[in-house]
Amino acid sequence: ALVGAGIAGLGSALAPDLITLVVMRVVAGAFFGAIVPTSLTYVG
């Protein structure tokens, strides 16, 4: 998930237009969404 989020984040930084940026941010949100709950589960 971190690799996917990192690639999507770099894509966001390079986005040439708003539509591309929205798509990249959606992908980044989907991947970053895995981190906190999985970290909490790891602690559990």
PDB file of all heavy atoms in Angstrom:
ATOM      1  N   ALA A   1       0.824  -1.202   0.000  1.00  0.00           N
ATOM      2  CA  ALA A   1       0.000   0.000   0.000  1.00  0.00           C
ATOM      3  C   ALA A   1       0.865   1.262   0.000  1.00  0.00           C
ATOM      4  O   ALA A   1       0.539   2.247  -0.665  1.00  0.00           O
ATOM      5  CB  ALA A   1      -0.931  -0.007   1.209  1.00  0.00           C
ATOM      6  N   LEU A   2       1.969   1.246   0.737  1.00  0.00           N
ATOM      7  CA  LEU A   2       2.850   2.409   0.765  1.00  0.00           C
ATOM      8  C   LEU A   2       3.493   2.661  -0.597  1.00  0.00           C
ATOM      9  O   LEU A   2       3.644   3.816  -1.017  1.00  0.00           O
ATOM     10  CB  LEU A   2       3.935   2.209   1.828  1.00  0.00           C
ATOM     11  CG  LEU A   2       3.470   2.386   3.281  1.00  0.00           C
ATOM     12  CD1 LEU A   2       4.521   1.840   4.244  1.00  0.00           C
ATOM     13  CD2 LEU A   2       3.177   3.855   3.589  1.00  0.00           C
ATOM     14  N   VAL A   3       3.861   1.592  -1.283  1.00  0.00           N
ATOM     15  CA  VAL A   3       4.409   1.760  -2.638  1.00  0.00           C
ATOM     16  C   VAL A   3       3.346   2.363  -3.559  1.00  0.00           C
ATOM     17  O   VAL A   3       3.619   3.312  -4.307  1.00  0.00           O
ATOM     18  CB  VAL A   3       4.914   0.416  -3.187  1.00  0.00           C
ATOM     19  CG1 VAL A   3       5.259   0.544  -4.674  1.00  0.00           C
ATOM     20  CG2 VAL A   3       6.135  -0.060  -2.402  1.00  0.00           C
ATOM     21  N   GLY A   4       2.125   1.813  -3.485  1.00  0.00           N
ATOM     22  CA  GLY A   4       1.051   2.353  -4.314  1.00  0.00           C
ATOM     23  C   GLY A   4       0.753   3.807  -3.987  1.00  0.00           C
ATOM     24  O   GLY A   4       0.564   4.640  -4.888  1.00  0.00           O
ATOM     25  N   ALA A   5       0.727   4.145  -2.687  1.00  0.00           N
ATOM     26  CA  ALA A   5       0.459   5.522  -2.273  1.00  0.00           C
ATOM     27  C   ALA A   5       1.584   6.454  -2.727  1.00  0.00           C
ATOM     28  O   ALA A   5       1.330   7.587  -3.161  1.00  0.00           O
ATOM     29  CB  ALA A   5       0.299   5.584  -0.757  1.00  0.00           C
ATOM     30  N   GLY A   6       2.834   5.976  -2.625  1.00  0.00           N
ATOM     31  CA  GLY A   6       3.955   6.799  -3.045  1.00  0.00           C
ATOM     32  C   GLY A   6       3.921   7.109  -4.532  1.00  0.00           C
ATOM     33  O   GLY A   6       4.139   8.252  -4.952  1.00  0.00           O
ATOM     34  N   ILE A   7       3.618   6.095  -5.341  1.00  0.00           N
ATOM     35  CA  ILE A   7       3.536   6.306  -6.794  1.00  0.00           C
ATOM     36  C   ILE A   7       2.392   7.269  -7.121  1.00  0.00           C
ATOM     37  O   ILE A   7       2.543   8.185  -7.947  1.00  0.00           O
ATOM     38  CB  ILE A   7       3.349   4.960  -7.513  1.00  0.00           C
ATOM     39  CG1 ILE A   7       4.614   4.105  -7.366  1.00  0.00           C
ATOM     40  CG2 ILE A   7       3.027   5.175  -8.992  1.00  0.00           C
ATOM     41  CD1 ILE A   7       4.474   2.692  -7.886  1.00  0.00           C
ATOM     42  N   ALA A   8       1.241   7.082  -6.471  1.00  0.00           N
ATOM     43  CA  ALA A   8       0.102   7.974  -6.714  1.00  0.00           C
ATOM     44  C   ALA A   8       0.403   9.394  -6.251  1.00  0.00           C
ATOM     45  O   ALA A   8      -0.023  10.370  -6.881  1.00  0.00           O
ATOM     46  CB  ALA A   8      -1.142   7.438  -6.004  1.00  0.00           C
ATOM     47  N   GLY A   9       1.163   9.522  -5.150  1.00  0.00           N
ATOM     48  CA  GLY A   9       1.535  10.853  -4.676  1.00  0.00           C
ATOM     49  C   GLY A   9       2.448  11.572  -5.654  1.00  0.00           C
ATOM     50  O   GLY A   9       2.289  12.770  -5.912  1.00  0.00           O
ATOM     51  N   LEU A  10       3.415  10.842  -6.215  1.00  0.00           N
ATOM     52  CA  LEU A  10       4.286  11.445  -7.225  1.00  0.00           C
ATOM     53  C   LEU A  10       3.496  11.798  -8.478  1.00  0.00           C
ATOM     54  O   LEU A  10       3.737  12.830  -9.118  1.00  0.00           O
ATOM     55  CB  LEU A  10       5.430  10.486  -7.563  1.00  0.00           C
ATOM     56  CG  LEU A  10       6.433  10.229  -6.433  1.00  0.00           C
ATOM     57  CD1 LEU A  10       7.463   9.202  -6.868  1.00  0.00           C
ATOM     58  CD2 LEU A  10       7.115  11.531  -6.005  1.00  0.00           C
ATOM     59  N   GLY A  11       2.520  10.937  -8.827  1.00  0.00           N
ATOM     60  CA  GLY A  11       1.642  11.258  -9.953  1.00  0.00           C
ATOM     61  C   GLY A  11       0.838  12.515  -9.688  1.00  0.00           C
ATOM     62  O   GLY A  11       0.594  13.317 -10.604  1.00  0.00           O
ATOM     63  N   SER A  12       0.417  12.718  -8.425  1.00  0.00           N
ATOM     64  CA  SER A  12      -0.305  13.939  -8.064  1.00  0.00           C
ATOM     65  C   SER A  12       0.577  15.166  -8.264  1.00  0.00           C
ATOM     66  O   SER A  12       0.124  16.198  -8.784  1.00  0.00           O
ATOM     67  CB  SER A  12      -0.753  13.866  -6.594  1.00  0.00           C
ATOM     68  OG  SER A  12      -1.601  12.764  -6.364  1.00  0.00           O
ATOM     69  N   ALA A  13       1.831  15.061  -7.854  1.00  0.00           N
ATOM     70  CA  ALA A  13       2.748  16.191  -7.987  1.00  0.00           C
ATOM     71  C   ALA A  13       3.020  16.558  -9.443  1.00  0.00           C
ATOM     72  O   ALA A  13       3.324  17.709  -9.749  1.00  0.00           O
ATOM     73  CB  ALA A  13       4.062  15.869  -7.284  1.00  0.00           C
ATOM     74  N   LEU A  14       2.887  15.568 -10.340  1.00  0.00           N
ATOM     75  CA  LEU A  14       3.183  15.799 -11.764  1.00  0.00           C
ATOM     76  C   LEU A  14       1.930  15.984 -12.611  1.00  0.00           C
ATOM     77  O   LEU A  14       2.032  16.130 -13.833  1.00  0.00           O
ATOM     78  CB  LEU A  14       3.991  14.615 -12.315  1.00  0.00           C
ATOM     79  CG  LEU A  14       5.363  14.368 -11.660  1.00  0.00           C
ATOM     80  CD1 LEU A  14       5.966  13.061 -12.176  1.00  0.00           C
ATOM     81  CD2 LEU A  14       6.302  15.542 -11.916  1.00  0.00           C
ATOM     82  N   ALA A  15       0.752  15.982 -11.985  1.00  0.00           N
ATOM     83  CA  ALA A  15      -0.511  16.024 -12.733  1.00  0.00           C
ATOM     84  C   ALA A  15      -0.588  17.258 -13.633  1.00  0.00           C
ATOM     85  O   ALA A  15      -0.397  18.385 -13.167  1.00  0.00           O
ATOM     86  CB  ALA A  15      -1.687  16.008 -11.766  1.00  0.00           C
ATOM     87  N   PRO A  16      -0.910  17.067 -14.925  1.00  0.00           N
ATOM     88  CA  PRO A  16      -0.968  18.205 -15.847  1.00  0.00           C
ATOM     89  C   PRO A  16      -2.301  18.937 -15.840  1.00  0.00           C
ATOM     90  O   PRO A  16      -2.402  20.048 -16.373  1.00  0.00           O
ATOM     91  CB  PRO A  16      -0.728  17.534 -17.216  1.00  0.00           C
ATOM     92  CG  PRO A  16      -1.313  16.165 -17.052  1.00  0.00           C
ATOM     93  CD  PRO A  16      -1.039  15.769 -15.629  1.00  0.00           C
ATOM     94  N   ASP A  17      -3.337  18.320 -15.271  1.00  0.00           N
ATOM     95  CA  ASP A  17      -4.651  18.962 -15.260  1.00  0.00           C
ATOM     96  C   ASP A  17      -5.429  18.478 -14.040  1.00  0.00           C
ATOM     97  O   ASP A  17      -5.005  17.560 -13.328  1.00  0.00           O
ATOM     98  CB  ASP A  17      -5.426  18.650 -16.553  1.00  0.00           C
ATOM     99  CG  ASP A  17      -5.486  17.164 -16.868  1.00  0.00           C
ATOM    100  OD1 ASP A  17      -5.935  16.388 -15.996  1.00  0.00           O
ATOM    101  OD2 ASP A  17      -5.073  16.761 -17.980  1.00  0.00           O
ATOM    102  N   LEU A  18      -6.582  19.101 -13.814  1.00  0.00           N
ATOM    103  CA  LEU A  18      -7.353  18.798 -12.614  1.00  0.00           C
ATOM    104  C   LEU A  18      -7.890  17.373 -12.616  1.00  0.00           C
ATOM    105  O   LEU A  18      -7.876  16.697 -11.579  1.00  0.00           O
ATOM    106  CB  LEU A  18      -8.516  19.790 -12.469  1.00  0.00           C
ATOM    107  CG  LEU A  18      -9.386  19.602 -11.222  1.00  0.00           C
ATOM    108  CD1 LEU A  18      -8.566  19.803  -9.959  1.00  0.00           C
ATOM    109  CD2 LEU A  18     -10.582  20.550 -11.253  1.00  0.00           C
ATOM    110  N   ILE A  19      -8.349  16.897 -13.767  1.00  0.00           N
ATOM    111  CA  ILE A  19      -8.914  15.543 -13.819  1.00  0.00           C
ATOM    112  C   ILE A  19      -7.859  14.512 -13.428  1.00  0.00           C
ATOM    113  O   ILE A  19      -8.118  13.602 -12.631  1.00  0.00           O
ATOM    114  CB  ILE A  19      -9.466  15.244 -15.232  1.00  0.00           C
ATOM    115  CG1 ILE A  19     -10.672  16.131 -15.521  1.00  0.00           C
ATOM    116  CG2 ILE A  19      -9.858  13.767 -15.347  1.00  0.00           C
ATOM    117  CD1 ILE A  19     -11.248  15.967 -16.908  1.00  0.00           C
ATOM    118  N   THR A  20      -6.662  14.656 -13.971  1.00  0.00           N
ATOM    119  CA  THR A  20      -5.580  13.733 -13.610  1.00  0.00           C
ATOM    120  C   THR A  20      -5.263  13.821 -12.132  1.00  0.00           C
ATOM    121  O   THR A  20      -5.045  12.801 -11.464  1.00  0.00           O
ATOM    122  CB  THR A  20      -4.317  14.053 -14.433  1.00  0.00           C
ATOM    123  OG1 THR A  20      -4.628  13.989 -15.831  1.00  0.00           O
ATOM    124  CG2 THR A  20      -3.206  13.061 -14.116  1.00  0.00           C
ATOM    125  N   LEU A  21      -5.268  15.037 -11.604  1.00  0.00           N
ATOM    126  CA  LEU A  21      -4.971  15.218 -10.183  1.00  0.00           C
ATOM    127  C   LEU A  21      -6.032  14.546  -9.319  1.00  0.00           C
ATOM    128  O   LEU A  21      -5.707  13.888  -8.325  1.00  0.00           O
ATOM    129  CB  LEU A  21      -4.876  16.707  -9.848  1.00  0.00           C
ATOM    130  CG  LEU A  21      -4.580  17.052  -8.389  1.00  0.00           C
ATOM    131  CD1 LEU A  21      -3.278  16.407  -7.932  1.00  0.00           C
ATOM    132  CD2 LEU A  21      -4.523  18.573  -8.201  1.00  0.00           C
ATOM    133  N   VAL A  22      -7.293  14.697  -9.691  1.00  0.00           N
ATOM    134  CA  VAL A  22      -8.374  14.064  -8.925  1.00  0.00           C
ATOM    135  C   VAL A  22      -8.199  12.543  -8.925  1.00  0.00           C
ATOM    136  O   VAL A  22      -8.315  11.884  -7.878  1.00  0.00           O
ATOM    137  CB  VAL A  22      -9.757  14.453  -9.494  1.00  0.00           C
ATOM    138  CG1 VAL A  22     -10.856  13.596  -8.860  1.00  0.00           C
ATOM    139  CG2 VAL A  22     -10.035  15.925  -9.253  1.00  0.00           C
ATOM    140  N   VAL A  23      -7.906  11.985 -10.097  1.00  0.00           N
ATOM    141  CA  VAL A  23      -7.716  10.530 -10.194  1.00  0.00           C
ATOM    142  C   VAL A  23      -6.550  10.083  -9.323  1.00  0.00           C
ATOM    143  O   VAL A  23      -6.641   9.091  -8.581  1.00  0.00           O
ATOM    144  CB  VAL A  23      -7.490  10.112 -11.662  1.00  0.00           C
ATOM    145  CG1 VAL A  23      -7.089   8.640 -11.740  1.00  0.00           C
ATOM    146  CG2 VAL A  23      -8.745  10.358 -12.483  1.00  0.00           C
ATOM    147  N   MET A  24      -5.444  10.806  -9.390  1.00  0.00           N
ATOM    148  CA  MET A  24      -4.272  10.441  -8.591  1.00  0.00           C
ATOM    149  C   MET A  24      -4.549  10.540  -7.100  1.00  0.00           C
ATOM    150  O   MET A  24      -4.094   9.717  -6.307  1.00  0.00           O
ATOM    151  CB  MET A  24      -3.083  11.338  -8.962  1.00  0.00           C
ATOM    152  CG  MET A  24      -2.467  11.068 -10.325  1.00  0.00           C
ATOM    153  SD  MET A  24      -1.670   9.426 -10.437  1.00  0.00           S
ATOM    154  CE  MET A  24      -2.969   8.489 -11.245  1.00  0.00           C
ATOM    155  N   ARG A  25      -5.323  11.578  -6.699  1.00  0.00           N
ATOM    156  CA  ARG A  25      -5.643  11.722  -5.274  1.00  0.00           C
ATOM    157  C   ARG A  25      -6.593  10.625  -4.804  1.00  0.00           C
ATOM    158  O   ARG A  25      -6.507  10.159  -3.669  1.00  0.00           O
ATOM    159  CB  ARG A  25      -6.253  13.098  -4.985  1.00  0.00           C
ATOM    160  CG  ARG A  25      -5.315  14.266  -5.225  1.00  0.00           C
ATOM    161  CD  ARG A  25      -3.939  14.029  -4.676  1.00  0.00           C
ATOM    162  NE  ARG A  25      -3.918  13.965  -3.211  1.00  0.00           N
ATOM    163  CZ  ARG A  25      -2.938  13.448  -2.503  1.00  0.00           C
ATOM    164  NH1 ARG A  25      -1.881  12.896  -3.102  1.00  0.00           N
ATOM    165  NH2 ARG A  25      -2.997  13.427  -1.188  1.00  0.00           N
ATOM    166  N   VAL A  26      -7.507  10.201  -5.658  1.00  0.00           N
ATOM    167  CA  VAL A  26      -8.390   9.086  -5.306  1.00  0.00           C
ATOM    168  C   VAL A  26      -7.575   7.820  -5.087  1.00  0.00           C
ATOM    169  O   VAL A  26      -7.768   7.086  -4.102  1.00  0.00           O
ATOM    170  CB  VAL A  26      -9.460   8.869  -6.396  1.00  0.00           C
ATOM    171  CG1 VAL A  26     -10.180   7.532  -6.194  1.00  0.00           C
ATOM    172  CG2 VAL A  26     -10.474  10.008  -6.375  1.00  0.00           C
ATOM    173  N   VAL A  27      -6.630   7.562  -5.987  1.00  0.00           N
ATOM    174  CA  VAL A  27      -5.769   6.378  -5.850  1.00  0.00           C
ATOM    175  C   VAL A  27      -4.916   6.480  -4.588  1.00  0.00           C
ATOM    176  O   VAL A  27      -4.774   5.513  -3.829  1.00  0.00           O
ATOM    177  CB  VAL A  27      -4.888   6.210  -7.101  1.00  0.00           C
ATOM    178  CG1 VAL A  27      -3.911   5.048  -6.918  1.00  0.00           C
ATOM    179  CG2 VAL A  27      -5.759   5.970  -8.339  1.00  0.00           C
ATOM    180  N   ALA A  28      -4.356   7.669  -4.338  1.00  0.00           N
ATOM    181  CA  ALA A  28      -3.545   7.857  -3.140  1.00  0.00           C
ATOM    182  C   ALA A  28      -4.376   7.637  -1.879  1.00  0.00           C
ATOM    183  O   ALA A  28      -3.926   6.989  -0.923  1.00  0.00           O
ATOM    184  CB  ALA A  28      -2.931   9.263  -3.129  1.00  0.00           C
ATOM    185  N   GLY A  29      -5.601   8.157  -1.861  1.00  0.00           N
ATOM    186  CA  GLY A  29      -6.472   7.966  -0.705  1.00  0.00           C
ATOM    187  C   GLY A  29      -6.797   6.503  -0.468  1.00  0.00           C
ATOM    188  O   GLY A  29      -6.821   6.031   0.670  1.00  0.00           O
ATOM    189  N   ALA A  30      -7.042   5.781  -1.553  1.00  0.00           N
ATOM    190  CA  ALA A  30      -7.351   4.359  -1.422  1.00  0.00           C
ATOM    191  C   ALA A  30      -6.176   3.595  -0.813  1.00  0.00           C
ATOM    192  O   ALA A  30      -6.355   2.764   0.082  1.00  0.00           O
ATOM    193  CB  ALA A  30      -7.705   3.777  -2.790  1.00  0.00           C
ATOM    194  N   PHE A  31      -4.951   3.888  -1.275  1.00  0.00           N
ATOM    195  CA  PHE A  31      -3.777   3.181  -0.753  1.00  0.00           C
ATOM    196  C   PHE A  31      -3.402   3.643   0.651  1.00  0.00           C
ATOM    197  O   PHE A  31      -3.116   2.814   1.527  1.00  0.00           O
ATOM    198  CB  PHE A  31      -2.583   3.351  -1.696  1.00  0.00           C
ATOM    199  CG  PHE A  31      -2.601   2.418  -2.871  1.00  0.00           C
ATOM    200  CD1 PHE A  31      -2.741   2.894  -4.166  1.00  0.00           C
ATOM    201  CD2 PHE A  31      -2.487   1.053  -2.685  1.00  0.00           C
ATOM    202  CE1 PHE A  31      -2.762   2.029  -5.256  1.00  0.00           C
ATOM    203  CE2 PHE A  31      -2.503   0.169  -3.765  1.00  0.00           C
ATOM    204  CZ  PHE A  31      -2.643   0.666  -5.060  1.00  0.00           C
ATOM    205  N   PHE A  32      -3.402   4.952   0.894  1.00  0.00           N
ATOM    206  CA  PHE A  32      -3.073   5.428   2.233  1.00  0.00           C
ATOM    207  C   PHE A  32      -4.103   4.961   3.254  1.00  0.00           C
ATOM    208  O   PHE A  32      -3.792   4.832   4.446  1.00  0.00           O
ATOM    209  CB  PHE A  32      -2.978   6.954   2.257  1.00  0.00           C
ATOM    210  CG  PHE A  32      -1.591   7.479   2.011  1.00  0.00           C
ATOM    211  CD1 PHE A  32      -1.345   8.383   0.981  1.00  0.00           C
ATOM    212  CD2 PHE A  32      -0.522   7.086   2.811  1.00  0.00           C
ATOM    213  CE1 PHE A  32      -0.069   8.884   0.756  1.00  0.00           C
ATOM    214  CE2 PHE A  32       0.761   7.577   2.591  1.00  0.00           C
ATOM    215  CZ  PHE A  32       0.987   8.483   1.562  1.00  0.00           C
ATOM    216  N   GLY A  33      -5.325   4.701   2.801  1.00  0.00           N
ATOM    217  CA  GLY A  33      -6.357   4.212   3.708  1.00  0.00           C
ATOM    218  C   GLY A  33      -6.033   2.876   4.335  1.00  0.00           C
ATOM    219  O   GLY A  33      -6.631   2.500   5.352  1.00  0.00           O
ATOM    220  N   ALA A  34      -5.091   2.143   3.764  1.00  0.00           N
ATOM    221  CA  ALA A  34      -4.728   0.836   4.315  1.00  0.00           C
ATOM    222  C   ALA A  34      -3.801   0.948   5.514  1.00  0.00           C
ATOM    223  O   ALA A  34      -3.712   0.011   6.322  1.00  0.00           O
ATOM    224  CB  ALA A  34      -4.037  -0.009   3.235  1.00  0.00           C
ATOM    225  N   ILE A  35      -3.115   2.070   5.677  1.00  0.00           N
ATOM    226  CA  ILE A  35      -1.998   2.134   6.619  1.00  0.00           C
ATOM    227  C   ILE A  35      -2.436   2.179   8.077  1.00  0.00           C
ATOM    228  O   ILE A  35      -2.001   1.357   8.896  1.00  0.00           O
ATOM    229  CB  ILE A  35      -1.100   3.347   6.300  1.00  0.00           C
ATOM    230  CG1 ILE A  35      -0.637   3.291   4.838  1.00  0.00           C
ATOM    231  CG2 ILE A  35       0.089   3.361   7.254  1.00  0.00           C
ATOM    232  CD1 ILE A  35       0.028   2.000   4.442  1.00  0.00           C
ATOM    233  N   VAL A  36      -3.279   3.127   8.431  1.00  0.00           N
ATOM    234  CA  VAL A  36      -3.630   3.291   9.843  1.00  0.00           C
ATOM    235  C   VAL A  36      -4.358   2.075  10.409  1.00  0.00           C
ATOM    236  O   VAL A  36      -3.958   1.539  11.454  1.00  0.00           O
ATOM    237  CB  VAL A  36      -4.436   4.583  10.059  1.00  0.00           C
ATOM    238  CG1 VAL A  36      -4.992   4.631  11.485  1.00  0.00           C
ATOM    239  CG2 VAL A  36      -3.557   5.805   9.798  1.00  0.00           C
ATOM    240  N   PRO A  37      -5.433   1.577   9.759  1.00  0.00           N
ATOM    241  CA  PRO A  37      -6.091   0.407  10.358  1.00  0.00           C
ATOM    242  C   PRO A  37      -5.187  -0.822  10.426  1.00  0.00           C
ATOM    243  O   PRO A  37      -5.261  -1.596  11.383  1.00  0.00           O
ATOM    244  CB  PRO A  37      -7.299   0.160   9.445  1.00  0.00           C
ATOM    245  CG  PRO A  37      -6.983   0.864   8.177  1.00  0.00           C
ATOM    246  CD  PRO A  37      -6.148   2.042   8.559  1.00  0.00           C
ATOM    247  N   THR A  38      -4.323  -1.004   9.430  1.00  0.00           N
ATOM    248  CA  THR A  38      -3.416  -2.155   9.463  1.00  0.00           C
ATOM    249  C   THR A  38      -2.355  -1.979  10.543  1.00  0.00           C
ATOM    250  O   THR A  38      -1.950  -2.953  11.198  1.00  0.00           O
ATOM    251  CB  THR A  38      -2.755  -2.358   8.092  1.00  0.00           C
ATOM    252  OG1 THR A  38      -3.758  -2.381   7.076  1.00  0.00           O
ATOM    253  CG2 THR A  38      -2.002  -3.678   8.045  1.00  0.00           C
ATOM    254  N   SER A  39      -1.918  -0.737  10.764  1.00  0.00           N
ATOM    255  CA  SER A  39      -0.983  -0.475  11.858  1.00  0.00           C
ATOM    256  C   SER A  39      -1.636  -0.777  13.202  1.00  0.00           C
ATOM    257  O   SER A  39      -1.015  -1.391  14.089  1.00  0.00           O
ATOM    258  CB  SER A  39      -0.534   0.990  11.829  1.00  0.00           C
ATOM    259  OG  SER A  39       0.157   1.294  10.645  1.00  0.00           O
ATOM    260  N   LEU A  40      -2.880  -0.375  13.360  1.00  0.00           N
ATOM    261  CA  LEU A  40      -3.597  -0.663  14.603  1.00  0.00           C
ATOM    262  C   LEU A  40      -3.751  -2.173  14.795  1.00  0.00           C
ATOM    263  O   LEU A  40      -3.604  -2.689  15.910  1.00  0.00           O
ATOM    264  CB  LEU A  40      -4.977  -0.006  14.568  1.00  0.00           C
ATOM    265  CG  LEU A  40      -5.006   1.526  14.497  1.00  0.00           C
ATOM    266  CD1 LEU A  40      -6.436   2.011  14.292  1.00  0.00           C
ATOM    267  CD2 LEU A  40      -4.411   2.134  15.747  1.00  0.00           C
ATOM    268  N   THR A  41      -4.041  -2.868  13.701  1.00  0.00           N
ATOM    269  CA  THR A  41      -4.188  -4.314  13.776  1.00  0.00           C
ATOM    270  C   THR A  41      -2.855  -4.975  14.128  1.00  0.00           C
ATOM    271  O   THR A  41      -2.817  -5.935  14.901  1.00  0.00           O
ATOM    272  CB  THR A  41      -4.700  -4.866  12.438  1.00  0.00           C
ATOM    273  OG1 THR A  41      -5.907  -4.183  12.092  1.00  0.00           O
ATOM    274  CG2 THR A  41      -4.986  -6.354  12.528  1.00  0.00           C
ATOM    275  N   TYR A  42      -1.769  -4.448  13.566  1.00  0.00           N
ATOM    276  CA  TYR A  42      -0.435  -4.974  13.893  1.00  0.00           C
ATOM    277  C   TYR A  42      -0.175  -4.865  15.396  1.00  0.00           C
ATOM    278  O   TYR A  42       0.329  -5.795  16.024  1.00  0.00           O
ATOM    279  CB  TYR A  42       0.632  -4.204  13.107  1.00  0.00           C
ATOM    280  CG  TYR A  42       2.034  -4.709  13.346  1.00  0.00           C
ATOM    281  CD1 TYR A  42       2.604  -5.656  12.509  1.00  0.00           C
ATOM    282  CD2 TYR A  42       2.785  -4.234  14.428  1.00  0.00           C
ATOM    283  CE1 TYR A  42       3.889  -6.134  12.745  1.00  0.00           C
ATOM    284  CE2 TYR A  42       4.064  -4.704  14.670  1.00  0.00           C
ATOM    285  CZ  TYR A  42       4.614  -5.651  13.828  1.00  0.00           C
ATOM    286  OH  TYR A  42       5.875  -6.120  14.073  1.00  0.00           O
ATOM    287  N   VAL A  43      -0.538  -3.723  15.974  1.00  0.00           N
ATOM    288  CA  VAL A  43      -0.376  -3.558  17.423  1.00  0.00           C
ATOM    289  C   VAL A  43      -1.243  -4.573  18.166  1.00  0.00           C
ATOM    290  O   VAL A  43      -0.813  -5.186  19.152  1.00  0.00           O
ATOM    291  CB  VAL A  43      -0.741  -2.121  17.848  1.00  0.00           C
ATOM    292  CG1 VAL A  43      -0.823  -2.007  19.369  1.00  0.00           C
ATOM    293  CG2 VAL A  43       0.283  -1.132  17.305  1.00  0.00           C
ATOM    294  N   GLY A  44      -2.464  -4.778  17.688  1.00  0.00           N
ATOM    295  CA  GLY A  44      -3.331  -5.769  18.315  1.00  0.00           C
ATOM    296  C   GLY A  44      -2.750  -7.172  18.248  1.00  0.00           C
ATOM    297  O   GLY A  44      -2.935  -7.984  19.162  1.00  0.00           O
TER     298      GLY A  44
END
